[in-house]
N, C-alpha and C. Protein backbone atom coordinates (compact mmCIF):
# COMPACT_ATOMS: atom_id res chain seq x y z
N MET A 1 -3.84 -11.68 48.13
CA MET A 1 -4.40 -10.35 48.05
C MET A 1 -3.91 -9.62 46.78
N ALA A 2 -2.62 -9.78 46.48
CA ALA A 2 -2.06 -9.13 45.30
C ALA A 2 -2.73 -9.65 44.02
N LEU A 3 -3.04 -10.94 43.98
CA LEU A 3 -3.72 -11.49 42.80
C LEU A 3 -5.11 -10.91 42.63
N VAL A 4 -5.81 -10.66 43.70
CA VAL A 4 -7.15 -10.07 43.62
C VAL A 4 -7.06 -8.65 43.06
N ILE A 5 -6.09 -7.89 43.54
CA ILE A 5 -5.92 -6.51 43.05
C ILE A 5 -5.54 -6.53 41.58
N MET A 6 -4.60 -7.39 41.20
CA MET A 6 -4.18 -7.46 39.79
C MET A 6 -5.33 -7.92 38.90
N GLY A 7 -6.13 -8.86 39.38
CA GLY A 7 -7.30 -9.31 38.62
C GLY A 7 -8.31 -8.20 38.43
N GLY A 8 -8.52 -7.42 39.47
CA GLY A 8 -9.45 -6.28 39.38
C GLY A 8 -8.96 -5.23 38.40
N LEU A 9 -7.68 -4.94 38.45
CA LEU A 9 -7.12 -3.97 37.50
C LEU A 9 -7.21 -4.49 36.06
N ALA A 10 -6.93 -5.75 35.88
CA ALA A 10 -7.02 -6.33 34.54
C ALA A 10 -8.45 -6.26 34.03
N ALA A 11 -9.42 -6.50 34.89
CA ALA A 11 -10.83 -6.44 34.49
C ALA A 11 -11.21 -5.04 34.03
N LEU A 12 -10.55 -4.01 34.56
CA LEU A 12 -10.84 -2.64 34.16
C LEU A 12 -10.06 -2.22 32.91
N VAL A 13 -8.80 -2.63 32.83
CA VAL A 13 -7.92 -2.15 31.77
C VAL A 13 -8.15 -2.87 30.45
N ILE A 14 -8.29 -4.17 30.47
CA ILE A 14 -8.38 -4.93 29.22
C ILE A 14 -9.58 -4.51 28.36
N PRO A 15 -10.79 -4.39 28.90
CA PRO A 15 -11.90 -3.94 28.04
C PRO A 15 -11.70 -2.51 27.54
N ALA A 16 -11.09 -1.66 28.34
CA ALA A 16 -10.86 -0.27 27.93
C ALA A 16 -9.90 -0.20 26.76
N MET A 17 -8.95 -1.10 26.69
CA MET A 17 -7.98 -1.09 25.60
C MET A 17 -8.64 -1.48 24.28
N GLY A 18 -9.62 -2.36 24.32
CA GLY A 18 -10.28 -2.80 23.10
C GLY A 18 -11.28 -1.80 22.59
N GLY A 19 -11.89 -1.03 23.46
CA GLY A 19 -12.90 -0.06 23.04
C GLY A 19 -14.12 -0.76 22.48
N LYS A 20 -14.99 0.02 21.87
CA LYS A 20 -16.21 -0.52 21.29
C LYS A 20 -16.04 -0.84 19.81
N ASP A 21 -14.97 -0.33 19.20
CA ASP A 21 -14.73 -0.54 17.78
C ASP A 21 -14.16 -1.94 17.55
N PRO A 22 -14.88 -2.80 16.79
CA PRO A 22 -14.36 -4.15 16.55
C PRO A 22 -13.01 -4.13 15.84
N ALA A 23 -12.75 -3.11 15.02
CA ALA A 23 -11.48 -3.04 14.31
C ALA A 23 -10.32 -2.88 15.28
N ALA A 24 -10.58 -2.29 16.45
CA ALA A 24 -9.52 -2.11 17.44
C ALA A 24 -9.15 -3.42 18.08
N ARG A 25 -10.00 -4.43 17.97
CA ARG A 25 -9.73 -5.72 18.60
C ARG A 25 -9.46 -6.81 17.57
N ARG A 26 -9.14 -6.43 16.35
CA ARG A 26 -9.05 -7.42 15.27
C ARG A 26 -7.82 -8.30 15.35
N GLY A 27 -6.82 -7.91 16.08
CA GLY A 27 -5.66 -8.77 16.26
C GLY A 27 -4.61 -8.59 15.17
N PRO A 28 -3.59 -9.45 15.19
CA PRO A 28 -2.45 -9.26 14.31
C PRO A 28 -2.77 -9.41 12.82
N VAL A 29 -3.76 -10.20 12.45
CA VAL A 29 -4.05 -10.35 11.03
C VAL A 29 -4.53 -9.04 10.44
N GLY A 30 -5.37 -8.31 11.13
CA GLY A 30 -5.83 -7.01 10.66
C GLY A 30 -4.70 -6.02 10.54
N VAL A 31 -3.76 -6.06 11.46
CA VAL A 31 -2.61 -5.17 11.42
C VAL A 31 -1.74 -5.50 10.21
N ILE A 32 -1.54 -6.79 9.94
CA ILE A 32 -0.76 -7.20 8.77
C ILE A 32 -1.45 -6.74 7.49
N ASP A 33 -2.78 -6.87 7.42
CA ASP A 33 -3.51 -6.41 6.25
C ASP A 33 -3.31 -4.92 6.04
N ASP A 34 -3.44 -4.13 7.11
CA ASP A 34 -3.25 -2.69 6.99
C ASP A 34 -1.83 -2.35 6.56
N ALA A 35 -0.85 -3.05 7.09
CA ALA A 35 0.54 -2.81 6.71
C ALA A 35 0.75 -3.14 5.24
N SER A 36 0.10 -4.17 4.75
CA SER A 36 0.22 -4.55 3.35
C SER A 36 -0.35 -3.45 2.45
N VAL A 37 -1.47 -2.87 2.84
CA VAL A 37 -2.09 -1.79 2.06
C VAL A 37 -1.20 -0.56 2.07
N VAL A 38 -0.66 -0.20 3.22
CA VAL A 38 0.22 0.96 3.33
C VAL A 38 1.49 0.74 2.50
N ALA A 39 2.04 -0.46 2.54
CA ALA A 39 3.23 -0.77 1.74
C ALA A 39 2.92 -0.65 0.26
N CYS A 40 1.77 -1.14 -0.15
CA CYS A 40 1.34 -1.03 -1.55
C CYS A 40 1.24 0.44 -1.96
N GLN A 41 0.62 1.25 -1.13
CA GLN A 41 0.47 2.67 -1.44
C GLN A 41 1.82 3.37 -1.51
N SER A 42 2.75 2.96 -0.66
CA SER A 42 4.10 3.51 -0.69
C SER A 42 4.80 3.14 -2.00
N ASP A 43 4.62 1.90 -2.44
CA ASP A 43 5.21 1.46 -3.71
C ASP A 43 4.65 2.27 -4.87
N VAL A 44 3.35 2.53 -4.84
CA VAL A 44 2.72 3.34 -5.90
C VAL A 44 3.35 4.73 -5.92
N ALA A 45 3.50 5.34 -4.75
CA ALA A 45 4.09 6.68 -4.69
C ALA A 45 5.52 6.68 -5.23
N THR A 46 6.29 5.66 -4.90
CA THR A 46 7.66 5.55 -5.40
C THR A 46 7.69 5.46 -6.92
N LEU A 47 6.82 4.61 -7.46
CA LEU A 47 6.77 4.45 -8.92
C LEU A 47 6.29 5.72 -9.61
N GLU A 48 5.30 6.40 -9.03
CA GLU A 48 4.81 7.64 -9.65
C GLU A 48 5.88 8.73 -9.61
N THR A 49 6.70 8.76 -8.59
CA THR A 49 7.81 9.71 -8.53
C THR A 49 8.82 9.41 -9.64
N SER A 50 9.10 8.14 -9.85
CA SER A 50 10.03 7.75 -10.91
C SER A 50 9.46 8.10 -12.29
N ILE A 51 8.15 7.89 -12.47
CA ILE A 51 7.49 8.25 -13.74
C ILE A 51 7.60 9.76 -13.96
N ALA A 52 7.38 10.54 -12.89
CA ALA A 52 7.47 12.01 -13.01
C ALA A 52 8.89 12.43 -13.40
N ALA A 53 9.90 11.75 -12.85
CA ALA A 53 11.28 12.06 -13.21
C ALA A 53 11.54 11.74 -14.68
N ALA A 54 11.03 10.61 -15.14
CA ALA A 54 11.20 10.25 -16.55
C ALA A 54 10.51 11.27 -17.45
N HIS A 55 9.32 11.72 -17.05
CA HIS A 55 8.59 12.72 -17.83
C HIS A 55 9.36 14.04 -17.88
N ALA A 56 9.91 14.43 -16.73
CA ALA A 56 10.67 15.67 -16.68
C ALA A 56 11.91 15.61 -17.58
N ALA A 57 12.53 14.45 -17.65
CA ALA A 57 13.77 14.30 -18.43
C ALA A 57 13.51 14.17 -19.93
N THR A 58 12.40 13.50 -20.29
CA THR A 58 12.17 13.20 -21.71
C THR A 58 11.05 14.00 -22.33
N GLY A 59 10.18 14.60 -21.50
CA GLY A 59 9.04 15.36 -22.03
C GLY A 59 7.84 14.48 -22.35
N GLU A 60 7.96 13.18 -22.16
CA GLU A 60 6.85 12.26 -22.42
C GLU A 60 6.75 11.27 -21.27
N TYR A 61 5.53 10.82 -21.01
CA TYR A 61 5.36 9.78 -20.01
C TYR A 61 5.77 8.44 -20.61
N PRO A 62 6.49 7.62 -19.87
CA PRO A 62 6.86 6.30 -20.39
C PRO A 62 5.63 5.41 -20.49
N SER A 63 5.63 4.52 -21.47
CA SER A 63 4.48 3.63 -21.66
C SER A 63 4.64 2.32 -20.91
N SER A 64 5.83 2.06 -20.37
CA SER A 64 6.04 0.81 -19.61
C SER A 64 7.20 1.00 -18.65
N PHE A 65 7.25 0.14 -17.65
CA PHE A 65 8.38 0.16 -16.72
C PHE A 65 9.64 -0.29 -17.43
N GLU A 66 9.51 -1.17 -18.40
CA GLU A 66 10.68 -1.62 -19.16
C GLU A 66 11.32 -0.44 -19.89
N GLU A 67 10.49 0.42 -20.48
CA GLU A 67 10.99 1.61 -21.16
C GLU A 67 11.73 2.52 -20.17
N MET A 68 11.17 2.67 -18.98
CA MET A 68 11.82 3.50 -17.97
C MET A 68 13.16 2.91 -17.55
N ALA A 69 13.18 1.60 -17.34
CA ALA A 69 14.42 0.94 -16.93
C ALA A 69 15.50 1.08 -18.00
N ALA A 70 15.10 0.98 -19.27
CA ALA A 70 16.06 1.12 -20.37
C ALA A 70 16.64 2.53 -20.41
N GLN A 71 15.88 3.51 -19.94
CA GLN A 71 16.35 4.89 -19.90
C GLN A 71 17.09 5.21 -18.60
N GLY A 72 17.20 4.22 -17.70
CA GLY A 72 17.95 4.40 -16.47
C GLY A 72 17.15 4.91 -15.29
N PHE A 73 15.84 4.89 -15.39
CA PHE A 73 15.01 5.33 -14.26
C PHE A 73 14.62 4.14 -13.39
N PRO A 74 14.61 4.32 -12.06
CA PRO A 74 14.30 3.20 -11.17
C PRO A 74 12.85 2.75 -11.31
N THR A 75 12.67 1.45 -11.36
CA THR A 75 11.33 0.88 -11.45
C THR A 75 11.14 -0.27 -10.47
N GLU A 76 12.17 -0.58 -9.70
CA GLU A 76 12.10 -1.73 -8.80
C GLU A 76 11.34 -1.38 -7.53
N VAL A 77 10.40 -2.22 -7.18
CA VAL A 77 9.72 -2.14 -5.89
C VAL A 77 9.81 -3.53 -5.27
N PRO A 78 9.70 -3.63 -3.96
CA PRO A 78 9.75 -4.95 -3.35
C PRO A 78 8.65 -5.85 -3.92
N SER A 79 8.96 -7.12 -4.06
CA SER A 79 7.98 -8.07 -4.57
C SER A 79 6.85 -8.22 -3.56
N ARG A 80 5.64 -8.05 -4.01
CA ARG A 80 4.47 -8.19 -3.16
C ARG A 80 3.54 -9.21 -3.82
N PRO A 81 3.45 -10.39 -3.26
CA PRO A 81 2.58 -11.40 -3.86
C PRO A 81 1.16 -10.88 -4.04
N GLY A 82 0.64 -11.05 -5.24
CA GLY A 82 -0.73 -10.64 -5.52
C GLY A 82 -0.87 -9.21 -6.03
N PHE A 83 0.21 -8.45 -6.04
CA PHE A 83 0.14 -7.07 -6.51
C PHE A 83 0.80 -6.96 -7.88
N THR A 84 0.14 -6.36 -8.83
CA THR A 84 0.70 -6.10 -10.14
C THR A 84 0.63 -4.60 -10.38
N PHE A 85 1.79 -3.96 -10.49
CA PHE A 85 1.85 -2.52 -10.72
C PHE A 85 2.07 -2.28 -12.21
N ALA A 86 1.41 -1.26 -12.77
CA ALA A 86 1.59 -0.92 -14.17
C ALA A 86 1.34 0.57 -14.37
N PRO A 87 2.05 1.18 -15.34
CA PRO A 87 1.72 2.57 -15.67
C PRO A 87 0.30 2.62 -16.22
N GLU A 88 -0.45 3.64 -15.83
CA GLU A 88 -1.82 3.77 -16.33
C GLU A 88 -1.79 4.38 -17.73
N ILE A 89 -2.51 3.75 -18.64
CA ILE A 89 -2.61 4.27 -20.00
C ILE A 89 -4.09 4.47 -20.31
N VAL A 90 -4.46 5.70 -20.61
CA VAL A 90 -5.86 6.04 -20.91
C VAL A 90 -5.92 6.51 -22.36
N ALA A 91 -6.81 5.92 -23.14
CA ALA A 91 -7.00 6.27 -24.55
C ALA A 91 -5.67 6.25 -25.29
N GLY A 92 -4.85 5.23 -25.03
CA GLY A 92 -3.60 5.05 -25.75
C GLY A 92 -2.46 5.93 -25.29
N SER A 93 -2.70 6.76 -24.28
CA SER A 93 -1.65 7.68 -23.83
C SER A 93 -1.35 7.47 -22.34
N PRO A 94 -0.08 7.32 -21.99
CA PRO A 94 0.26 7.19 -20.57
C PRO A 94 -0.11 8.47 -19.81
N THR A 95 -0.45 8.31 -18.55
CA THR A 95 -0.90 9.45 -17.74
C THR A 95 0.08 9.86 -16.65
N GLY A 96 1.06 9.02 -16.33
CA GLY A 96 1.95 9.32 -15.24
C GLY A 96 1.48 8.75 -13.92
N ARG A 97 0.33 8.09 -13.93
CA ARG A 97 -0.17 7.44 -12.72
C ARG A 97 0.08 5.95 -12.82
N VAL A 98 -0.07 5.28 -11.71
CA VAL A 98 0.16 3.84 -11.63
C VAL A 98 -1.14 3.15 -11.24
N THR A 99 -1.40 2.01 -11.88
CA THR A 99 -2.54 1.19 -11.46
C THR A 99 -2.03 0.00 -10.67
N VAL A 100 -2.89 -0.56 -9.84
CA VAL A 100 -2.57 -1.76 -9.07
C VAL A 100 -3.60 -2.81 -9.46
N ASN A 101 -3.12 -3.87 -10.08
CA ASN A 101 -4.01 -4.92 -10.58
C ASN A 101 -5.10 -4.35 -11.49
N GLY A 102 -4.72 -3.34 -12.27
CA GLY A 102 -5.66 -2.75 -13.22
C GLY A 102 -6.63 -1.77 -12.61
N LEU A 103 -6.51 -1.48 -11.32
CA LEU A 103 -7.42 -0.57 -10.63
C LEU A 103 -6.65 0.66 -10.15
N PRO A 104 -7.37 1.77 -9.88
CA PRO A 104 -6.69 2.90 -9.25
C PRO A 104 -6.06 2.43 -7.93
N PRO A 105 -4.98 3.06 -7.49
CA PRO A 105 -4.25 2.58 -6.32
C PRO A 105 -5.11 2.34 -5.07
N ALA A 106 -6.02 3.25 -4.77
CA ALA A 106 -6.82 3.08 -3.55
C ALA A 106 -7.59 1.77 -3.57
N GLN A 107 -8.23 1.47 -4.70
CA GLN A 107 -9.00 0.23 -4.79
C GLN A 107 -8.09 -0.99 -4.99
N GLY A 108 -7.05 -0.85 -5.77
CA GLY A 108 -6.17 -1.97 -6.04
C GLY A 108 -5.41 -2.43 -4.81
N CYS A 109 -4.96 -1.48 -3.99
CA CYS A 109 -4.25 -1.86 -2.77
C CYS A 109 -5.22 -2.46 -1.75
N GLN A 110 -6.41 -1.92 -1.62
CA GLN A 110 -7.41 -2.44 -0.68
C GLN A 110 -7.86 -3.84 -1.10
N ALA A 111 -7.94 -4.09 -2.40
CA ALA A 111 -8.44 -5.38 -2.89
C ALA A 111 -7.53 -6.53 -2.51
N GLN A 112 -6.29 -6.24 -2.17
CA GLN A 112 -5.34 -7.28 -1.85
C GLN A 112 -5.31 -7.65 -0.38
N LYS A 113 -6.19 -7.05 0.42
CA LYS A 113 -6.22 -7.42 1.83
C LYS A 113 -6.57 -8.90 1.94
N ARG A 114 -5.93 -9.57 2.87
CA ARG A 114 -6.13 -11.02 3.01
C ARG A 114 -7.51 -11.32 3.55
């Protein structure tokens, strides 16, 4: 009798947890992809904060992470396979923003989803 009740409850609860949205049922791979994108965006924010600190101290945006490191500003982010971070340079002048694989962060981080 207990198995029948538990089976009935499971039949009601399990579909309700998944909902109608396929993304809600995508499983662990989708969650890992989303975590990778969020981690990438966090790395971009960390690097942009470091660039802003370098700009505040020197009055100019650094043209490379190597230049920032030589001046003592942090540039290290965790290694993320497939992600290449770089200071954005527009018309020969650094902007203080970071690109991911040559793209703006939103597109560059999303492009790395597995």
